Amino acid sequence: MQYRNLGKWGLKVSEIALGSWVTDLSGTEAERKALDTVNAAFDLGINFFDCADAYSGGAAERFLGKALGGHKRSEYVVSSKVFFPMGRGANDWGLSRKHIVEQLDNTLKNMKLDYLDLYFCHRFDPTTPVEETLQVLSDMVAAGKILYYGVSEWSPVQLTEALHVVKENRLRPLSVIQPQYNMADRYIEDEILGICEKNGVGIVPFSPLAQGLFTGKYRKGKPLPEGSRATWQADRQINNLLTEENLDKVERLIPIAEKLNVPLSVLALAWILRKKQISSVITGASKAEQLRSNANAVGLVLPEDALAEIEAVLGYTPFCRKIG
């Protein structure tokens, strides 16, 4: 395993992280597989584990806390998030001081921890002043309940405003962001990568394989694999990605991966890690074998000719409006 700094900050995180939002906790066998996956992560040198209060209604936090409990606290970096409704009350969601303080305490209780290494605002809250949100996060750092804080899926304007508020009010720094980033969704390349690099903000993307699109399991003209996410996912995120255009890209990317003797998933992860601004890539894995395969992306340098072929397949055009 290789490690990178969280932006300009001193915290080191493994290039591959383990996320837990799809952790199946429905039965004894499912829990055993999930526990095996966490233990496999430690064996691989993975030290970064991501979660959120809304995942499985808090069950994912409780499971992860239990799984990490057998390891020294200094051996791992753990994160959670806040924003989505955790009850029916008017203050049971969002980024108000009340909700953040209450949910952070609940998260620490769920995980049986004294502090979180990273804490994210899951989404932007238009009903709460940014100053209020950032002040309470800064206060939680000062109180020792979190070490670093950041945001997930905020727009470039929202992120820039937050960085300005932090500087203007001399708050503890906003240190990390968790956006979506993969071969099918490259919006952060337009502005966010540059904003983060300029301000020393670490980037830990989620959904690096686009819900499984870039694993190669979904093929054009073939039925959905039995038991795959596309057969059970309630919000159908992966199904919405299984377009003719995207599946054509998969068919053209697989030969590039084969020439490098790696699975498409490893190619897709290494493609993300090619960016120096990326601190870690948050992967999902329902079993240990998947995680071991993902770890093969660490240290894989894609040759320039392969990168050129990938760009030709993806056909991405950054947003640019010429003025004058």
Protein backbone atom coordinates (compact mmCIF):
# COMPACT_ATOMS: atom_id res chain seq x y z
CA MET A 1 0.00 0.00 0.00
CA GLN A 2 1.07 3.55 -0.64
CA TYR A 3 -0.06 6.61 1.31
CA ARG A 4 -0.67 10.23 0.43
CA ASN A 5 -1.09 13.34 2.53
CA LEU A 6 -4.57 14.73 2.94
CA GLY A 7 -3.97 17.74 0.71
CA LYS A 8 -1.27 19.87 2.31
CA TRP A 9 -2.03 18.51 5.79
CA GLY A 10 -0.03 15.99 7.78
CA LEU A 11 -2.57 13.15 7.88
CA LYS A 12 -1.57 10.17 5.71
CA VAL A 13 -4.30 8.10 4.09
CA SER A 14 -4.03 4.93 2.02
CA GLU A 15 -4.49 5.46 -1.71
CA ILE A 16 -7.37 2.97 -1.57
CA ALA A 17 -10.03 3.44 1.12
CA LEU A 18 -12.98 1.26 2.08
CA GLY A 19 -16.45 2.78 2.08
CA SER A 20 -19.36 1.14 3.83
CA TRP A 21 -22.54 2.60 2.37
CA VAL A 22 -23.51 -0.64 0.57
CA THR A 23 -22.57 -2.88 3.48
CA ASP A 24 -25.22 -5.61 3.72
CA LEU A 25 -26.06 -6.14 7.37
CA SER A 26 -29.14 -8.26 6.86
CA GLY A 27 -27.88 -11.53 8.27
CA THR A 28 -25.11 -13.46 9.96
CA GLU A 29 -23.41 -14.53 6.72
CA ALA A 30 -23.57 -10.99 5.34
CA GLU A 31 -22.01 -9.60 8.51
CA ARG A 32 -19.26 -12.21 8.39
CA LYS A 33 -18.37 -11.24 4.80
CA ALA A 34 -18.36 -7.56 5.74
CA LEU A 35 -16.09 -8.23 8.71
CA ASP A 36 -13.76 -10.30 6.53
CA THR A 37 -13.58 -7.36 4.12
CA VAL A 38 -12.60 -4.93 6.88
CA ASN A 39 -9.94 -7.32 8.15
CA ALA A 40 -8.67 -7.80 4.59
CA ALA A 41 -8.34 -4.02 4.33
CA PHE A 42 -5.98 -3.97 7.31
CA ASP A 43 -3.99 -6.86 5.81
CA LEU A 44 -3.61 -4.83 2.61
CA GLY A 45 -2.42 -1.76 4.52
CA ILE A 46 -5.64 0.20 3.98
CA ASN A 47 -6.03 2.65 6.85
CA PHE A 48 -8.97 4.83 5.72
CA PHE A 49 -12.59 3.77 6.36
CA ASP A 50 -15.54 5.94 5.34
CA CYS A 51 -19.12 5.89 6.62
CA ALA A 52 -22.11 8.19 7.27
CA ASP A 53 -24.88 8.51 9.83
CA ALA A 54 -27.56 7.92 7.17
CA TYR A 55 -26.12 4.64 5.90
CA SER A 56 -28.56 1.90 6.93
CA GLY A 57 -30.05 4.28 9.49
CA GLY A 58 -26.94 4.19 11.68
CA ALA A 59 -26.44 0.41 11.41
CA ALA A 60 -23.42 0.88 9.12
CA GLU A 61 -21.73 3.10 11.72
CA ARG A 62 -22.42 0.60 14.47
CA PHE A 63 -21.06 -2.26 12.38
CA LEU A 64 -17.94 -0.34 11.36
CA GLY A 65 -17.27 0.69 14.94
CA LYS A 66 -17.54 -2.95 16.00
CA ALA A 67 -15.24 -4.08 13.18
CA LEU A 68 -12.61 -1.45 13.96
CA GLY A 69 -12.81 -2.10 17.69
CA GLY A 70 -10.28 -4.90 17.49
CA HIS A 71 -7.58 -2.61 16.11
CA LYS A 72 -5.44 0.10 17.69
CA ARG A 73 -6.96 3.57 17.22
CA SER A 74 -3.69 4.84 15.76
CA GLU A 75 -3.89 2.23 12.97
CA TYR A 76 -6.88 3.67 11.14
CA VAL A 77 -8.50 6.85 9.87
CA VAL A 78 -12.29 6.86 10.04
CA SER A 79 -14.80 9.34 8.68
CA SER A 80 -18.53 9.96 8.78
CA LYS A 81 -20.95 12.49 7.36
CA VAL A 82 -23.92 14.60 8.40
CA PHE A 83 -26.87 16.20 6.59
CA PHE A 84 -29.59 13.72 5.63
CA PRO A 85 -32.70 13.21 7.82
CA MET A 86 -32.20 10.98 10.84
CA GLY A 87 -35.75 11.44 12.16
CA ARG A 88 -39.02 13.23 11.44
CA GLY A 89 -38.36 16.36 13.47
CA ALA A 90 -37.78 19.79 11.96
CA ASN A 91 -34.18 19.76 13.24
CA ASP A 92 -33.39 16.14 12.41
CA TRP A 93 -31.57 17.04 9.21
CA GLY A 94 -29.29 19.69 7.70
CA LEU A 95 -26.20 21.53 8.87
CA SER A 96 -27.44 23.61 11.80
CA ARG A 97 -25.38 23.77 14.97
CA LYS A 98 -28.06 21.73 16.76
CA HIS A 99 -28.17 18.91 14.23
CA ILE A 100 -24.38 18.68 13.77
CA VAL A 101 -23.67 18.58 17.52
CA GLU A 102 -26.37 15.99 18.16
CA GLN A 103 -25.49 13.79 15.21
CA LEU A 104 -21.77 13.91 15.85
CA ASP A 105 -22.38 12.73 19.40
CA ASN A 106 -24.64 9.97 18.06
CA THR A 107 -22.04 8.92 15.49
CA LEU A 108 -19.32 8.71 18.15
CA LYS A 109 -21.69 6.64 20.28
CA ASN A 110 -22.48 4.34 17.34
CA MET A 111 -18.81 3.78 16.60
CA LYS A 112 -17.74 3.74 20.26
CA LEU A 113 -15.06 6.33 19.54
CA ASP A 114 -13.80 9.42 21.30
CA TYR A 115 -13.19 11.28 18.03
CA LEU A 116 -13.47 11.04 14.24
CA ASP A 117 -10.50 11.68 12.02
CA LEU A 118 -12.64 13.22 9.26
CA TYR A 119 -16.18 14.63 9.30
CA PHE A 120 -18.03 15.68 6.14
CA CYS A 121 -21.05 17.81 5.35
CA HIS A 122 -22.84 15.30 3.14
CA ARG A 123 -24.60 17.98 1.07
CA PHE A 124 -25.01 21.77 1.08
CA ASP A 125 -27.77 23.13 3.32
CA PRO A 126 -29.42 26.22 1.79
CA THR A 127 -31.47 26.76 4.97
CA THR A 128 -28.45 27.31 7.23
CA PRO A 129 -25.84 30.09 6.95
CA VAL A 130 -22.46 28.74 5.88
CA GLU A 131 -20.94 30.70 8.77
CA GLU A 132 -23.00 28.71 11.28
CA THR A 133 -22.01 25.35 9.80
CA LEU A 134 -18.31 26.13 9.56
CA GLN A 135 -18.19 27.68 13.03
CA VAL A 136 -19.62 24.58 14.71
CA LEU A 137 -17.28 22.29 12.74
CA SER A 138 -14.36 24.46 13.83
CA ASP A 139 -15.64 24.27 17.40
CA MET A 140 -15.82 20.46 17.18
CA VAL A 141 -12.19 20.40 16.07
CA ALA A 142 -11.28 22.61 19.04
CA ALA A 143 -13.23 20.27 21.32
CA GLY A 144 -11.27 17.27 20.04
CA LYS A 145 -14.32 15.47 18.64
CA ILE A 146 -13.05 15.64 15.06
CA LEU A 147 -9.55 16.20 13.71
CA TYR A 148 -10.28 17.40 10.17
CA TYR A 149 -13.52 18.42 8.46
CA GLY A 150 -14.72 18.86 4.92
CA VAL A 151 -17.65 18.71 2.51
CA SER A 152 -19.09 16.34 -0.05
CA GLU A 153 -20.75 17.32 -3.31
CA TRP A 154 -20.60 21.09 -2.90
CA SER A 155 -20.41 23.25 -6.02
CA PRO A 156 -17.27 25.27 -6.85
CA VAL A 157 -19.03 28.46 -5.73
CA GLN A 158 -20.15 26.91 -2.44
CA LEU A 159 -16.67 25.52 -1.78
CA THR A 160 -15.02 28.84 -2.59
CA GLU A 161 -17.41 30.69 -0.29
CA ALA A 162 -16.68 28.22 2.51
CA LEU A 163 -12.92 28.68 2.14
CA HIS A 164 -13.40 32.45 2.26
CA VAL A 165 -15.54 32.26 5.41
CA VAL A 166 -12.93 30.05 7.10
CA LYS A 167 -10.17 32.54 6.31
CA GLU A 168 -12.21 35.65 7.17
CA ASN A 169 -13.32 34.25 10.55
CA ARG A 170 -10.02 32.52 11.36
CA LEU A 171 -11.69 29.15 11.76
CA ARG A 172 -10.05 25.74 11.81
CA PRO A 173 -9.32 24.89 8.15
CA LEU A 174 -11.58 23.07 5.75
CA SER A 175 -9.16 20.27 4.89
CA VAL A 176 -10.87 17.77 2.57
CA ILE A 177 -13.69 17.22 0.09
CA GLN A 178 -15.45 14.02 -0.96
CA PRO A 179 -16.93 14.48 -4.44
CA GLN A 180 -18.04 11.92 -6.97
CA TYR A 181 -15.33 11.31 -9.56
CA ASN A 182 -15.00 8.57 -12.15
CA MET A 183 -14.61 8.05 -15.89
CA ALA A 184 -18.28 8.87 -16.44
CA ASP A 185 -18.42 11.93 -14.17
CA ARG A 186 -15.43 14.29 -14.42
CA TYR A 187 -17.03 17.56 -13.33
CA ILE A 188 -14.40 18.21 -10.65
CA GLU A 189 -11.76 18.59 -13.36
CA ASP A 190 -13.39 21.83 -14.55
CA GLU A 191 -12.80 23.94 -11.41
CA ILE A 192 -12.73 21.95 -8.17
CA LEU A 193 -9.34 20.29 -8.73
CA GLY A 194 -7.76 23.70 -9.17
CA ILE A 195 -9.53 25.21 -6.15
CA CYS A 196 -8.39 22.34 -3.94
CA GLU A 197 -4.82 22.39 -5.19
CA LYS A 198 -4.56 26.15 -4.59
CA ASN A 199 -5.90 25.83 -1.03
CA GLY A 200 -4.24 22.56 -0.04
CA VAL A 201 -7.55 20.71 0.28
CA GLY A 202 -7.40 16.92 0.00
CA ILE A 203 -9.76 15.08 -2.37
CA VAL A 204 -11.14 11.63 -1.52
CA PRO A 205 -13.61 10.71 -4.30
CA PHE A 206 -16.50 8.29 -3.89
CA SER A 207 -18.09 6.06 -6.55
CA PRO A 208 -14.81 5.69 -8.49
CA LEU A 209 -16.24 2.78 -10.50
CA ALA A 210 -19.53 4.58 -11.24
CA GLN A 211 -21.73 2.21 -9.22
CA GLY A 212 -19.97 -0.77 -10.81
CA LEU A 213 -20.20 0.39 -14.43
CA PHE A 214 -16.40 0.25 -14.77
CA THR A 215 -15.95 -3.18 -13.23
CA GLY A 216 -16.71 -4.79 -16.59
CA LYS A 217 -19.52 -6.92 -15.16
CA TYR A 218 -22.17 -5.05 -17.15
CA ARG A 219 -21.72 -5.79 -20.87
CA LYS A 220 -23.56 -4.59 -23.91
CA GLY A 221 -26.22 -7.00 -25.11
CA LYS A 222 -25.86 -9.31 -22.11
CA PRO A 223 -28.27 -9.85 -19.19
CA LEU A 224 -27.63 -8.26 -15.82
CA PRO A 225 -25.38 -10.48 -13.68
CA GLU A 226 -27.37 -12.36 -11.04
CA GLY A 227 -27.10 -10.69 -7.64
CA SER A 228 -25.42 -7.57 -9.04
CA ARG A 229 -26.30 -4.12 -7.75
CA ALA A 230 -28.44 -3.44 -10.83
CA THR A 231 -30.81 -6.23 -9.74
CA TRP A 232 -31.54 -4.92 -6.25
CA GLN A 233 -30.48 -1.28 -5.76
CA ALA A 234 -33.53 0.68 -4.64
CA ASP A 235 -32.56 4.05 -6.16
CA ARG A 236 -31.45 2.45 -9.46
CA GLN A 237 -28.35 4.63 -9.73
CA ILE A 238 -26.43 1.95 -11.62
CA ASN A 239 -29.39 1.19 -13.89
CA ASN A 240 -29.50 4.83 -14.93
CA LEU A 241 -25.84 4.58 -15.93
CA LEU A 242 -26.32 1.51 -18.14
CA THR A 243 -26.88 3.56 -21.29
CA GLU A 244 -25.79 2.55 -24.78
CA GLU A 245 -23.16 5.28 -24.75
CA ASN A 246 -21.66 4.18 -21.43
CA LEU A 247 -21.72 0.49 -22.31
CA ASP A 248 -19.98 1.30 -25.62
CA LYS A 249 -17.23 3.00 -23.59
CA VAL A 250 -16.89 -0.07 -21.39
CA GLU A 251 -16.46 -2.27 -24.48
CA ARG A 252 -13.70 0.01 -25.78
CA LEU A 253 -11.95 0.33 -22.41
CA ILE A 254 -11.73 -3.40 -21.69
CA PRO A 255 -9.12 -4.06 -24.44
CA ILE A 256 -6.97 -1.22 -23.03
CA ALA A 257 -7.08 -2.88 -19.61
CA GLU A 258 -6.32 -6.27 -21.13
CA LYS A 259 -3.21 -4.91 -22.84
CA LEU A 260 -1.99 -3.85 -19.39
CA ASN A 261 -2.99 -7.24 -17.90
CA VAL A 262 -5.35 -5.69 -15.34
CA PRO A 263 -9.13 -5.79 -14.83
CA LEU A 264 -11.13 -2.77 -16.00
CA SER A 265 -11.79 -1.86 -12.36
CA VAL A 266 -8.07 -1.57 -11.64
CA LEU A 267 -7.57 0.54 -14.76
CA ALA A 268 -10.39 2.87 -13.67
CA LEU A 269 -8.94 3.31 -10.16
CA ALA A 270 -5.40 3.89 -11.41
CA TRP A 271 -6.79 6.45 -13.86
CA ILE A 272 -8.18 8.43 -10.92
CA LEU A 273 -4.99 8.09 -8.87
CA ARG A 274 -3.02 9.56 -11.77
CA LYS A 275 -4.09 12.97 -10.45
CA LYS A 276 -1.73 14.28 -7.77
CA GLN A 277 -4.60 16.21 -6.15
CA ILE A 278 -6.32 12.94 -5.21
CA SER A 279 -5.46 11.82 -1.67
CA SER A 280 -7.40 8.54 -1.60
CA VAL A 281 -10.10 6.74 -3.58
CA ILE A 282 -13.08 5.44 -1.61
CA THR A 283 -14.07 2.04 -2.98
CA GLY A 284 -16.97 -0.19 -2.11
CA ALA A 285 -16.46 -3.93 -1.72
CA SER A 286 -19.00 -6.55 -0.71
CA LYS A 287 -16.32 -9.19 -0.29
CA ALA A 288 -12.62 -9.34 0.44
CA GLU A 289 -11.65 -10.54 -3.06
CA GLN A 290 -12.99 -7.35 -4.61
CA LEU A 291 -10.94 -5.23 -2.23
CA ARG A 292 -7.78 -7.20 -2.94
CA SER A 293 -8.34 -6.65 -6.64
CA ASN A 294 -8.91 -2.91 -6.14
CA ALA A 295 -5.63 -2.64 -4.23
CA ASN A 296 -3.75 -3.63 -7.39
CA ALA A 297 -4.35 -0.08 -8.64
CA VAL A 298 -1.84 1.20 -6.08
CA GLY A 299 1.43 2.04 -7.75
CA LEU A 300 0.10 1.28 -11.23
CA VAL A 301 1.38 3.98 -13.56
CA LEU A 302 -0.61 4.14 -16.77
CA PRO A 303 1.63 4.70 -19.82
CA GLU A 304 1.02 7.80 -21.90
CA ASP A 305 -0.27 5.83 -24.89
CA ALA A 306 -2.86 4.11 -22.68
CA LEU A 307 -3.93 7.46 -21.21
CA ALA A 308 -4.32 8.84 -24.73
CA GLU A 309 -6.47 5.85 -25.71
CA ILE A 310 -8.63 6.30 -22.62
CA GLU A 311 -9.15 9.98 -23.38
CA ALA A 312 -10.18 9.12 -26.93
CA VAL A 313 -12.78 6.70 -25.57
CA LEU A 314 -14.14 9.01 -22.88
CA GLY A 315 -14.31 12.04 -25.15
CA TYR A 316 -14.50 14.49 -22.28
CA THR A 317 -14.57 18.21 -23.06
CA PRO A 318 -13.87 20.45 -20.02
CA PHE A 319 -16.18 23.40 -19.57
CA CYS A 320 -14.54 26.46 -21.08
CA ARG A 321 -16.11 29.69 -22.32
CA LYS A 322 -13.81 32.01 -24.19
CA ILE A 323 -14.30 35.64 -23.30
CA GLY A 324 -13.34 38.44 -25.64
